[in-house]
Amino acid sequence: MGRRMGYKRSDRRWVDDEGTVWASKFEYKVFAGLRDSGCNVRKCTGSDTFSYTEHKPNVRCVECGGCDCVQDRTYTPDLFYTPEQGEGSGTGYYIETKGYFAAPKRSLFRSLRASRPDIDLRVVLESDGWVTKGKTRLTDYFSRYLKTTPVHVWDGDIPEEWK
């Protein structure tokens, strides 16, 4: 099945049997589950990278003194899924896998979705954990702040409406 790559507790990278490095074991588990069920899925590469802007609050531009500043960022999703009926046409969507969704990553994701609503990006969660101290679950967070982003809690397959 694979092994952990690093030795630090914070290093979540995973190496599969073919030697491919994944960001986490969960990312590989979703890829392997979709691949083994016959889905056309691949790991995203540098060619799948998107650029977006992130608004920076409470900053001041040194040159003009303005307060409305943005930072250019790039983002690479985890997986690209192509439905069976769309083979060869290039249609498909990106899948982002998330186990623990920390506050900085949630902020990054909100900036990405605000800046680039044209990207068909869907999120697969490892579990529907708590975002805040007992008040909001991840699925509630997505329905409140990221309404246009479909979200699914991993149960071994993606929903039928995504296929």
N, C-alpha and C. Protein backbone atom coordinates (compact mmCIF):
# COMPACT_ATOMS: atom_id res chain seq x y z
N MET A 1 0.82 -1.20 0.00
CA MET A 1 0.00 0.00 0.00
C MET A 1 0.86 1.25 0.00
N GLY A 2 1.99 1.25 0.67
CA GLY A 2 2.84 2.41 0.69
C GLY A 2 3.44 2.64 2.06
N ARG A 3 4.11 3.79 2.21
CA ARG A 3 4.75 4.12 3.49
C ARG A 3 4.84 5.63 3.63
N ARG A 4 5.01 6.07 4.88
CA ARG A 4 5.24 7.49 5.12
C ARG A 4 6.61 7.88 4.60
N MET A 5 6.71 9.09 4.13
CA MET A 5 7.97 9.52 3.55
C MET A 5 8.89 10.13 4.61
N GLY A 6 8.36 11.00 5.43
CA GLY A 6 9.18 11.70 6.41
C GLY A 6 9.14 11.05 7.77
N TYR A 7 9.94 11.59 8.67
CA TYR A 7 10.00 11.06 10.02
C TYR A 7 9.41 12.01 11.04
N LYS A 8 9.20 13.27 10.67
CA LYS A 8 8.58 14.21 11.59
C LYS A 8 7.08 13.96 11.63
N ARG A 9 6.49 14.25 12.77
CA ARG A 9 5.06 14.06 12.92
C ARG A 9 4.26 14.94 11.97
N SER A 10 4.77 16.14 11.68
CA SER A 10 4.06 17.07 10.81
C SER A 10 4.17 16.72 9.33
N ASP A 11 5.09 15.83 8.97
CA ASP A 11 5.28 15.46 7.58
C ASP A 11 4.28 14.37 7.21
N ARG A 12 3.27 14.72 6.44
CA ARG A 12 2.19 13.80 6.09
C ARG A 12 2.39 13.13 4.73
N ARG A 13 3.50 13.40 4.07
CA ARG A 13 3.69 12.85 2.73
C ARG A 13 3.69 11.32 2.75
N TRP A 14 3.20 10.74 1.63
CA TRP A 14 3.03 9.31 1.52
C TRP A 14 3.63 8.85 0.19
N VAL A 15 4.33 7.73 0.19
CA VAL A 15 4.92 7.16 -1.02
C VAL A 15 4.20 5.85 -1.31
N ASP A 16 3.63 5.72 -2.52
CA ASP A 16 2.95 4.48 -2.87
C ASP A 16 3.95 3.45 -3.35
N ASP A 17 3.47 2.28 -3.72
CA ASP A 17 4.35 1.18 -4.12
C ASP A 17 5.13 1.46 -5.40
N GLU A 18 4.60 2.35 -6.26
CA GLU A 18 5.31 2.70 -7.50
C GLU A 18 6.34 3.81 -7.29
N GLY A 19 6.38 4.40 -6.10
CA GLY A 19 7.33 5.45 -5.80
C GLY A 19 6.79 6.86 -5.99
N THR A 20 5.51 7.00 -6.27
CA THR A 20 4.90 8.32 -6.43
C THR A 20 4.69 8.95 -5.06
N VAL A 21 5.06 10.21 -4.92
CA VAL A 21 4.92 10.91 -3.65
C VAL A 21 3.58 11.65 -3.64
N TRP A 22 2.81 11.43 -2.58
CA TRP A 22 1.51 12.06 -2.40
C TRP A 22 1.59 12.98 -1.20
N ALA A 23 0.72 13.97 -1.14
CA ALA A 23 0.72 14.93 -0.03
C ALA A 23 0.30 14.27 1.27
N SER A 24 -0.54 13.25 1.20
CA SER A 24 -0.99 12.55 2.41
C SER A 24 -1.47 11.15 2.04
N LYS A 25 -1.62 10.33 3.05
CA LYS A 25 -2.13 8.98 2.84
C LYS A 25 -3.59 9.04 2.36
N PHE A 26 -4.35 10.00 2.89
CA PHE A 26 -5.74 10.13 2.48
C PHE A 26 -5.86 10.49 1.00
N GLU A 27 -5.00 11.37 0.51
CA GLU A 27 -5.01 11.72 -0.91
C GLU A 27 -4.76 10.49 -1.77
N TYR A 28 -3.80 9.67 -1.37
CA TYR A 28 -3.54 8.44 -2.11
C TYR A 28 -4.71 7.46 -2.00
N LYS A 29 -5.33 7.40 -0.82
CA LYS A 29 -6.46 6.48 -0.61
C LYS A 29 -7.63 6.85 -1.52
N VAL A 30 -7.91 8.14 -1.68
CA VAL A 30 -8.98 8.58 -2.57
C VAL A 30 -8.62 8.24 -4.02
N PHE A 31 -7.38 8.52 -4.42
CA PHE A 31 -6.94 8.22 -5.79
C PHE A 31 -7.06 6.72 -6.06
N ALA A 32 -6.52 5.90 -5.15
CA ALA A 32 -6.54 4.45 -5.35
C ALA A 32 -7.97 3.92 -5.36
N GLY A 33 -8.84 4.45 -4.50
CA GLY A 33 -10.23 4.01 -4.47
C GLY A 33 -10.96 4.32 -5.76
N LEU A 34 -10.74 5.52 -6.30
CA LEU A 34 -11.38 5.88 -7.56
C LEU A 34 -10.81 5.09 -8.73
N ARG A 35 -9.50 4.93 -8.74
CA ARG A 35 -8.85 4.16 -9.82
C ARG A 35 -9.30 2.71 -9.80
N ASP A 36 -9.36 2.11 -8.62
CA ASP A 36 -9.74 0.70 -8.51
C ASP A 36 -11.21 0.47 -8.84
N SER A 37 -12.05 1.50 -8.70
CA SER A 37 -13.46 1.35 -9.06
C SER A 37 -13.71 1.62 -10.55
N GLY A 38 -12.63 1.85 -11.31
CA GLY A 38 -12.75 2.02 -12.75
C GLY A 38 -12.90 3.45 -13.21
N CYS A 39 -12.73 4.40 -12.32
CA CYS A 39 -12.86 5.81 -12.70
C CYS A 39 -11.59 6.30 -13.40
N ASN A 40 -11.75 7.26 -14.27
CA ASN A 40 -10.63 7.86 -14.98
C ASN A 40 -10.14 9.06 -14.16
N VAL A 41 -9.11 8.84 -13.34
CA VAL A 41 -8.60 9.86 -12.43
C VAL A 41 -7.08 9.90 -12.54
N ARG A 42 -6.52 11.08 -12.36
CA ARG A 42 -5.06 11.22 -12.39
C ARG A 42 -4.62 12.24 -11.35
N LYS A 43 -3.36 12.16 -10.95
CA LYS A 43 -2.79 13.13 -10.02
C LYS A 43 -2.48 14.41 -10.80
N CYS A 44 -2.78 15.56 -10.21
CA CYS A 44 -2.51 16.83 -10.88
C CYS A 44 -1.01 17.13 -10.86
N THR A 45 -0.58 17.80 -11.92
CA THR A 45 0.83 18.17 -12.06
C THR A 45 0.94 19.69 -12.15
N GLY A 46 2.11 20.16 -12.48
CA GLY A 46 2.34 21.59 -12.61
C GLY A 46 1.52 22.24 -13.70
N SER A 47 1.10 21.47 -14.70
CA SER A 47 0.28 22.04 -15.77
C SER A 47 -1.15 22.33 -15.31
N ASP A 48 -1.53 21.80 -14.16
CA ASP A 48 -2.86 22.04 -13.60
C ASP A 48 -2.87 23.18 -12.59
N THR A 49 -1.81 23.95 -12.51
CA THR A 49 -1.69 25.02 -11.54
C THR A 49 -2.48 26.25 -11.99
N PHE A 50 -3.17 26.87 -11.04
CA PHE A 50 -3.97 28.06 -11.30
C PHE A 50 -3.36 29.24 -10.55
N SER A 51 -3.47 30.42 -11.15
CA SER A 51 -3.06 31.62 -10.44
C SER A 51 -4.32 32.33 -9.94
N TYR A 52 -4.21 32.95 -8.78
CA TYR A 52 -5.31 33.71 -8.20
C TYR A 52 -4.73 34.80 -7.33
N THR A 53 -5.56 35.71 -6.89
CA THR A 53 -5.11 36.80 -6.03
C THR A 53 -5.75 36.66 -4.65
N GLU A 54 -4.98 37.02 -3.65
CA GLU A 54 -5.46 36.99 -2.28
C GLU A 54 -5.42 38.40 -1.72
N HIS A 55 -6.55 38.88 -1.23
CA HIS A 55 -6.62 40.22 -0.65
C HIS A 55 -5.87 40.23 0.68
N LYS A 56 -5.04 41.23 0.88
CA LYS A 56 -4.27 41.37 2.11
C LYS A 56 -4.82 42.52 2.94
N PRO A 57 -5.51 42.22 4.04
CA PRO A 57 -6.04 43.29 4.87
C PRO A 57 -4.97 43.91 5.76
N ASN A 58 -5.19 45.14 6.15
CA ASN A 58 -4.30 45.84 7.09
C ASN A 58 -2.86 45.97 6.60
N VAL A 59 -2.69 46.17 5.30
CA VAL A 59 -1.36 46.43 4.75
C VAL A 59 -1.39 47.76 4.01
N ARG A 60 -0.21 48.32 3.79
CA ARG A 60 -0.10 49.58 3.09
C ARG A 60 0.98 49.45 2.04
N CYS A 61 0.68 49.92 0.85
CA CYS A 61 1.64 49.88 -0.25
C CYS A 61 2.72 50.92 0.00
N VAL A 62 3.97 50.52 -0.15
CA VAL A 62 5.10 51.42 0.09
C VAL A 62 5.18 52.49 -1.00
N GLU A 63 4.86 52.11 -2.23
CA GLU A 63 4.99 53.05 -3.35
C GLU A 63 3.87 54.09 -3.41
N CYS A 64 2.61 53.62 -3.30
CA CYS A 64 1.50 54.56 -3.49
C CYS A 64 0.78 54.91 -2.19
N GLY A 65 1.02 54.16 -1.14
CA GLY A 65 0.37 54.42 0.13
C GLY A 65 -1.04 53.88 0.22
N GLY A 66 -1.50 53.15 -0.82
CA GLY A 66 -2.85 52.61 -0.82
C GLY A 66 -3.00 51.42 0.13
N CYS A 67 -4.24 51.18 0.51
CA CYS A 67 -4.52 50.09 1.44
C CYS A 67 -5.18 48.90 0.77
N ASP A 68 -5.56 49.02 -0.49
CA ASP A 68 -6.22 47.93 -1.21
C ASP A 68 -5.16 47.12 -1.94
N CYS A 69 -4.57 46.15 -1.25
CA CYS A 69 -3.47 45.37 -1.80
C CYS A 69 -3.86 43.91 -1.95
N VAL A 70 -3.34 43.28 -2.98
CA VAL A 70 -3.53 41.85 -3.20
C VAL A 70 -2.18 41.20 -3.43
N GLN A 71 -2.14 39.89 -3.22
CA GLN A 71 -0.92 39.12 -3.45
C GLN A 71 -1.23 38.06 -4.48
N ASP A 72 -0.34 37.91 -5.48
CA ASP A 72 -0.51 36.86 -6.48
C ASP A 72 -0.09 35.54 -5.88
N ARG A 73 -0.93 34.51 -6.07
CA ARG A 73 -0.66 33.18 -5.53
C ARG A 73 -0.90 32.14 -6.63
N THR A 74 -0.43 30.94 -6.38
CA THR A 74 -0.72 29.81 -7.26
C THR A 74 -1.28 28.67 -6.44
N TYR A 75 -2.06 27.82 -7.10
CA TYR A 75 -2.71 26.70 -6.43
C TYR A 75 -2.74 25.51 -7.37
N THR A 76 -2.39 24.34 -6.86
CA THR A 76 -2.45 23.11 -7.62
C THR A 76 -3.39 22.14 -6.90
N PRO A 77 -4.49 21.73 -7.53
CA PRO A 77 -5.39 20.77 -6.90
C PRO A 77 -4.74 19.40 -6.77
N ASP A 78 -5.43 18.48 -6.12
CA ASP A 78 -4.87 17.14 -5.89
C ASP A 78 -5.10 16.19 -7.06
N LEU A 79 -6.34 16.08 -7.52
CA LEU A 79 -6.70 15.08 -8.53
C LEU A 79 -7.54 15.71 -9.63
N PHE A 80 -7.51 15.08 -10.81
CA PHE A 80 -8.38 15.48 -11.92
C PHE A 80 -9.19 14.26 -12.33
N TYR A 81 -10.51 14.41 -12.35
CA TYR A 81 -11.43 13.32 -12.67
C TYR A 81 -12.11 13.61 -13.99
N THR A 82 -12.13 12.61 -14.88
CA THR A 82 -12.82 12.73 -16.16
C THR A 82 -13.95 11.71 -16.18
N PRO A 83 -15.20 12.16 -16.29
CA PRO A 83 -16.33 11.22 -16.36
C PRO A 83 -16.26 10.36 -17.61
N GLU A 84 -16.89 9.19 -17.57
CA GLU A 84 -16.85 8.25 -18.69
C GLU A 84 -17.44 8.85 -19.96
N GLN A 85 -18.56 9.59 -19.84
CA GLN A 85 -19.20 10.13 -21.03
C GLN A 85 -18.41 11.28 -21.64
N GLY A 86 -17.46 11.83 -20.90
CA GLY A 86 -16.70 12.96 -21.41
C GLY A 86 -15.29 12.60 -21.85
N GLU A 87 -15.00 11.31 -22.03
CA GLU A 87 -13.64 10.93 -22.39
C GLU A 87 -13.25 11.50 -23.74
N GLY A 88 -12.02 11.99 -23.80
CA GLY A 88 -11.49 12.54 -25.04
C GLY A 88 -11.87 13.99 -25.28
N SER A 89 -12.87 14.48 -24.58
CA SER A 89 -13.29 15.85 -24.82
C SER A 89 -12.62 16.84 -23.88
N GLY A 90 -11.90 16.33 -22.87
CA GLY A 90 -11.21 17.22 -21.95
C GLY A 90 -12.09 17.75 -20.84
N THR A 91 -13.36 17.33 -20.81
CA THR A 91 -14.23 17.76 -19.74
C THR A 91 -13.92 16.97 -18.48
N GLY A 92 -14.08 17.59 -17.39
CA GLY A 92 -13.82 16.94 -16.11
C GLY A 92 -13.77 17.99 -15.03
N TYR A 93 -13.36 17.58 -13.85
CA TYR A 93 -13.28 18.52 -12.74
C TYR A 93 -12.13 18.14 -11.82
N TYR A 94 -11.76 19.08 -11.00
CA TYR A 94 -10.68 18.89 -10.05
C TYR A 94 -11.23 18.47 -8.70
N ILE A 95 -10.46 17.63 -8.02
CA ILE A 95 -10.84 17.17 -6.69
C ILE A 95 -9.75 17.58 -5.71
N GLU A 96 -10.16 18.20 -4.64
CA GLU A 96 -9.24 18.55 -3.54
C GLU A 96 -9.59 17.64 -2.38
N THR A 97 -8.60 16.93 -1.84
CA THR A 97 -8.83 16.06 -0.70
C THR A 97 -8.36 16.78 0.56
N LYS A 98 -9.16 16.69 1.60
CA LYS A 98 -8.83 17.36 2.85
C LYS A 98 -9.10 16.44 4.03
N GLY A 99 -8.10 16.26 4.86
CA GLY A 99 -8.27 15.57 6.12
C GLY A 99 -8.56 16.60 7.19
N TYR A 100 -7.53 17.28 7.63
CA TYR A 100 -7.66 18.37 8.60
C TYR A 100 -7.62 19.67 7.82
N PHE A 101 -8.60 20.51 8.03
CA PHE A 101 -8.74 21.75 7.27
C PHE A 101 -8.47 22.92 8.20
N ALA A 102 -7.19 23.26 8.38
CA ALA A 102 -6.77 24.31 9.31
C ALA A 102 -7.22 25.69 8.82
N ALA A 103 -7.26 26.64 9.75
CA ALA A 103 -7.73 28.00 9.45
C ALA A 103 -6.97 28.67 8.30
N PRO A 104 -5.63 28.60 8.24
CA PRO A 104 -4.94 29.23 7.10
C PRO A 104 -5.33 28.61 5.75
N LYS A 105 -5.55 27.31 5.74
CA LYS A 105 -5.97 26.65 4.50
C LYS A 105 -7.40 27.02 4.13
N ARG A 106 -8.26 27.20 5.13
CA ARG A 106 -9.63 27.62 4.86
C ARG A 106 -9.64 29.03 4.26
N SER A 107 -8.79 29.90 4.79
CA SER A 107 -8.68 31.26 4.27
C SER A 107 -8.16 31.25 2.84
N LEU A 108 -7.15 30.43 2.57
CA LEU A 108 -6.60 30.30 1.23
C LEU A 108 -7.67 29.82 0.26
N PHE A 109 -8.44 28.83 0.70
CA PHE A 109 -9.47 28.26 -0.15
C PHE A 109 -10.58 29.27 -0.45
N ARG A 110 -10.95 30.07 0.54
CA ARG A 110 -11.96 31.11 0.30
C ARG A 110 -11.45 32.15 -0.68
N SER A 111 -10.18 32.53 -0.58
CA SER A 111 -9.59 33.48 -1.54
C SER A 111 -9.56 32.90 -2.94
N LEU A 112 -9.21 31.63 -3.03
CA LEU A 112 -9.17 30.96 -4.33
C LEU A 112 -10.55 30.95 -4.98
N ARG A 113 -11.57 30.56 -4.23
CA ARG A 113 -12.91 30.47 -4.77
C ARG A 113 -13.48 31.85 -5.12
N ALA A 114 -13.12 32.89 -4.35
CA ALA A 114 -13.58 34.23 -4.65
C ALA A 114 -12.91 34.78 -5.90
N SER A 115 -11.62 34.46 -6.07
CA SER A 115 -10.86 34.97 -7.19
C SER A 115 -11.10 34.17 -8.47
N ARG A 116 -11.30 32.86 -8.33
CA ARG A 116 -11.44 31.98 -9.50
C ARG A 116 -12.69 31.11 -9.41
N PRO A 117 -13.88 31.69 -9.57
CA PRO A 117 -15.10 30.87 -9.53
C PRO A 117 -15.29 30.02 -10.78
N ASP A 118 -14.46 30.25 -11.81
CA ASP A 118 -14.59 29.51 -13.06
C ASP A 118 -14.04 28.09 -12.99
N ILE A 119 -13.27 27.76 -11.96
CA ILE A 119 -12.68 26.44 -11.83
C ILE A 119 -13.70 25.48 -11.23
N ASP A 120 -13.90 24.33 -11.90
CA ASP A 120 -14.80 23.31 -11.36
C ASP A 120 -14.01 22.47 -10.36
N LEU A 121 -14.11 22.86 -9.10
CA LEU A 121 -13.35 22.24 -8.02
C LEU A 121 -14.31 21.66 -7.00
N ARG A 122 -14.08 20.39 -6.64
CA ARG A 122 -14.93 19.72 -5.65
C ARG A 122 -14.04 19.21 -4.54
N VAL A 123 -14.60 19.11 -3.35
CA VAL A 123 -13.82 18.76 -2.17
C VAL A 123 -14.30 17.43 -1.61
N VAL A 124 -13.34 16.56 -1.32
CA VAL A 124 -13.63 15.29 -0.64
C VAL A 124 -12.98 15.36 0.73
N LEU A 125 -13.78 15.23 1.77
CA LEU A 125 -13.31 15.31 3.15
C LEU A 125 -13.11 13.92 3.73
N GLU A 126 -12.11 13.80 4.59
CA GLU A 126 -11.88 12.52 5.26
C GLU A 126 -12.96 12.26 6.30
N SER A 127 -13.34 13.29 7.03
CA SER A 127 -14.43 13.19 8.00
C SER A 127 -15.07 14.56 8.14
N ASP A 128 -16.26 14.55 8.70
CA ASP A 128 -16.97 15.81 8.89
C ASP A 128 -16.64 16.35 10.28
N GLY A 129 -15.39 16.75 10.46
CA GLY A 129 -14.90 17.21 11.75
C GLY A 129 -15.36 18.62 12.08
N TRP A 130 -15.01 19.03 13.29
CA TRP A 130 -15.38 20.36 13.76
C TRP A 130 -14.41 21.41 13.25
N VAL A 131 -14.94 22.54 12.80
CA VAL A 131 -14.12 23.66 12.37
C VAL A 131 -13.82 24.55 13.57
N THR A 132 -14.85 24.83 14.35
CA THR A 132 -14.69 25.64 15.55
C THR A 132 -15.02 24.78 16.76
N LYS A 133 -14.89 25.33 17.90
CA LYS A 133 -15.08 24.56 19.13
C LYS A 133 -16.54 24.16 19.32
N GLY A 134 -16.94 23.09 18.65
CA GLY A 134 -18.27 22.54 18.85
C GLY A 134 -19.42 23.30 18.24
N LYS A 135 -19.15 24.19 17.30
CA LYS A 135 -20.24 24.98 16.73
C LYS A 135 -20.47 24.72 15.24
N THR A 136 -19.43 24.47 14.48
CA THR A 136 -19.56 24.34 13.04
C THR A 136 -18.80 23.12 12.54
N ARG A 137 -19.45 22.30 11.76
CA ARG A 137 -18.80 21.17 11.11
C ARG A 137 -18.29 21.62 9.74
N LEU A 138 -17.39 20.82 9.14
CA LEU A 138 -16.83 21.18 7.84
C LEU A 138 -17.91 21.31 6.76
N THR A 139 -18.86 20.40 6.74
CA THR A 139 -19.91 20.51 5.72
C THR A 139 -20.75 21.77 5.92
N ASP A 140 -20.97 22.16 7.19
CA ASP A 140 -21.68 23.41 7.47
C ASP A 140 -20.86 24.61 7.01
N TYR A 141 -19.55 24.54 7.22
CA TYR A 141 -18.65 25.62 6.79
C TYR A 141 -18.74 25.81 5.28
N PHE A 142 -18.72 24.72 4.53
CA PHE A 142 -18.80 24.82 3.07
C PHE A 142 -20.15 25.36 2.63
N SER A 143 -21.23 24.93 3.28
CA SER A 143 -22.55 25.43 2.88
C SER A 143 -22.73 26.90 3.25
N ARG A 144 -22.01 27.38 4.25
CA ARG A 144 -22.13 28.77 4.67
C ARG A 144 -21.23 29.70 3.86
N TYR A 145 -19.95 29.34 3.68
CA TYR A 145 -18.99 30.25 3.08
C TYR A 145 -18.61 29.91 1.64
N LEU A 146 -18.71 28.66 1.26
CA LEU A 146 -18.30 28.24 -0.08
C LEU A 146 -19.45 27.51 -0.75
N LYS A 147 -20.54 28.22 -0.94
CA LYS A 147 -21.78 27.62 -1.43
C LYS A 147 -21.65 26.96 -2.79
N THR A 148 -20.78 27.48 -3.64
CA THR A 148 -20.66 26.94 -5.00
C THR A 148 -19.71 25.75 -5.09
N THR A 149 -19.09 25.37 -3.99
CA THR A 149 -18.14 24.26 -4.00
C THR A 149 -18.81 23.00 -3.48
N PRO A 150 -19.01 21.98 -4.34
CA PRO A 150 -19.60 20.74 -3.86
C PRO A 150 -18.63 20.03 -2.90
N VAL A 151 -19.17 19.44 -1.85
CA VAL A 151 -18.37 18.78 -0.84
C VAL A 151 -18.97 17.41 -0.53
N HIS A 152 -18.09 16.45 -0.25
CA HIS A 152 -18.52 15.08 0.03
C HIS A 152 -17.60 14.48 1.08
N VAL A 153 -18.19 13.78 2.05
CA VAL A 153 -17.39 13.07 3.04
C VAL A 153 -17.09 11.68 2.48
N TRP A 154 -15.82 11.32 2.43
CA TRP A 154 -15.35 10.08 1.78
C TRP A 154 -15.95 8.86 2.45
N ASP A 155 -16.59 8.02 1.62
CA ASP A 155 -17.14 6.76 2.09
C ASP A 155 -16.69 5.61 1.18
N GLY A 156 -15.64 5.82 0.42
CA GLY A 156 -15.12 4.82 -0.49
C GLY A 156 -15.39 5.13 -1.95
N ASP A 157 -16.25 6.09 -2.22
CA ASP A 157 -16.56 6.45 -3.60
C ASP A 157 -17.10 7.89 -3.61
N ILE A 158 -17.16 8.46 -4.80
CA ILE A 158 -17.73 9.80 -4.93
C ILE A 158 -19.23 9.67 -5.21
N PRO A 159 -20.00 10.72 -4.98
CA PRO A 159 -21.45 10.63 -5.22
C PRO A 159 -21.78 10.35 -6.69
N GLU A 160 -22.93 9.72 -6.91
CA GLU A 160 -23.36 9.38 -8.27
C GLU A 160 -23.52 10.61 -9.15
N GLU A 161 -23.98 11.73 -8.58
CA GLU A 161 -24.17 12.94 -9.40
C GLU A 161 -22.87 13.55 -9.85
N TRP A 162 -21.74 13.14 -9.25
CA TRP A 162 -20.42 13.62 -9.70
C TRP A 162 -19.89 12.78 -10.86
N LYS A 163 -20.46 11.62 -11.10
CA LYS A 163 -19.90 10.70 -12.11
C LYS A 163 -20.34 11.02 -13.47
